[in-house]
């Protein structure tokens, strides 16, 4: 196993533990921060989806006006 592969596995295991709420030594878990990040992303996604729907409706209305 190469040194880079081993380092990647160690870092992946560390992050998996952190996100899972397990801590190493005195490290604080990043789980609450990660959960907050996910929630903010979901909220942003919902807002963007709503805006896309609004713009699509406006585009459809304009298209109908052009066709008439």
Protein backbone atom coordinates (compact mmCIF):
# COMPACT_ATOMS: atom_id res chain seq x y z
CA UNK A 1 0.00 0.00 0.00
CA UNK A 2 1.35 3.38 -0.96
CA UNK A 3 1.85 6.13 1.54
CA UNK A 4 -0.76 8.29 -0.22
CA UNK A 5 -3.36 5.50 -0.13
CA UNK A 6 -2.72 4.90 3.56
CA UNK A 7 -2.98 8.61 4.32
CA UNK A 8 -6.26 8.81 2.38
CA UNK A 9 -7.70 5.87 4.32
CA UNK A 10 -6.67 7.41 7.63
CA UNK A 11 -8.25 10.75 6.73
CA UNK A 12 -11.41 9.07 5.47
CA UNK A 13 -11.70 7.07 8.71
CA UNK A 14 -11.12 10.23 10.77
CA UNK A 15 -13.82 12.16 8.91
CA UNK A 16 -16.24 9.23 9.11
CA UNK A 17 -15.75 9.12 12.87
CA UNK A 18 -16.17 12.89 13.18
CA UNK A 19 -19.38 12.96 11.14
CA UNK A 20 -20.64 9.94 13.06
CA UNK A 21 -20.17 11.80 16.33
CA UNK A 22 -17.18 9.82 17.55
CA UNK A 23 -14.26 11.88 18.72
CA UNK A 24 -10.58 11.18 18.91
CA UNK A 25 -8.71 12.40 21.98
CA UNK A 26 -9.88 15.94 22.74
CA UNK A 27 -11.31 16.66 19.30
CA UNK A 28 -14.84 18.02 19.23
CA UNK A 29 -17.24 16.22 16.95
CA UNK A 30 -18.20 18.03 13.76
CA UNK A 31 -21.52 16.16 13.61
CA UNK A 32 -23.68 19.11 14.77
CA UNK A 33 -21.94 21.41 12.29
CA UNK A 34 -22.38 18.90 9.51
CA UNK A 35 -26.08 18.50 10.32
CA UNK A 36 -26.51 22.28 10.26
CA UNK A 37 -24.71 22.41 6.91
CA UNK A 38 -27.03 19.74 5.47
CA UNK A 39 -30.14 21.56 6.72
CA UNK A 40 -28.99 24.87 5.22
CA UNK A 41 -28.33 23.15 1.91
CA UNK A 42 -31.80 21.59 1.94
CA UNK A 43 -33.36 24.98 2.64
CA UNK A 44 -31.35 26.60 -0.16
CA UNK A 45 -32.32 23.78 -2.50
CA UNK A 46 -36.02 24.26 -1.71
CA UNK A 47 -35.75 28.03 -2.31
CA UNK A 48 -34.00 27.48 -5.62
CA UNK A 49 -36.57 24.93 -6.71
CA UNK A 50 -39.37 27.36 -5.89
CA UNK A 51 -37.62 30.13 -7.83
CA UNK A 52 -37.12 27.82 -10.81
CA UNK A 53 -40.81 26.99 -10.81
CA UNK A 54 -41.71 30.70 -10.66
CA UNK A 55 -39.40 31.50 -13.56
CA UNK A 56 -40.70 28.59 -15.59
CA UNK A 57 -44.25 29.83 -15.08
CA UNK A 58 -43.24 33.32 -16.20
CA UNK A 59 -41.45 31.89 -19.22
CA UNK A 60 -44.49 29.82 -20.16
CA UNK A 61 -46.74 32.88 -19.86
CA UNK A 62 -44.41 34.93 -22.05
CA UNK A 63 -44.24 32.10 -24.57
CA UNK A 64 -48.05 32.04 -24.78
CA UNK A 65 -48.12 35.81 -25.38
CA UNK A 66 -45.55 35.50 -28.17
CA UNK A 67 -47.48 32.70 -29.83
CA UNK A 68 -50.73 34.72 -29.91
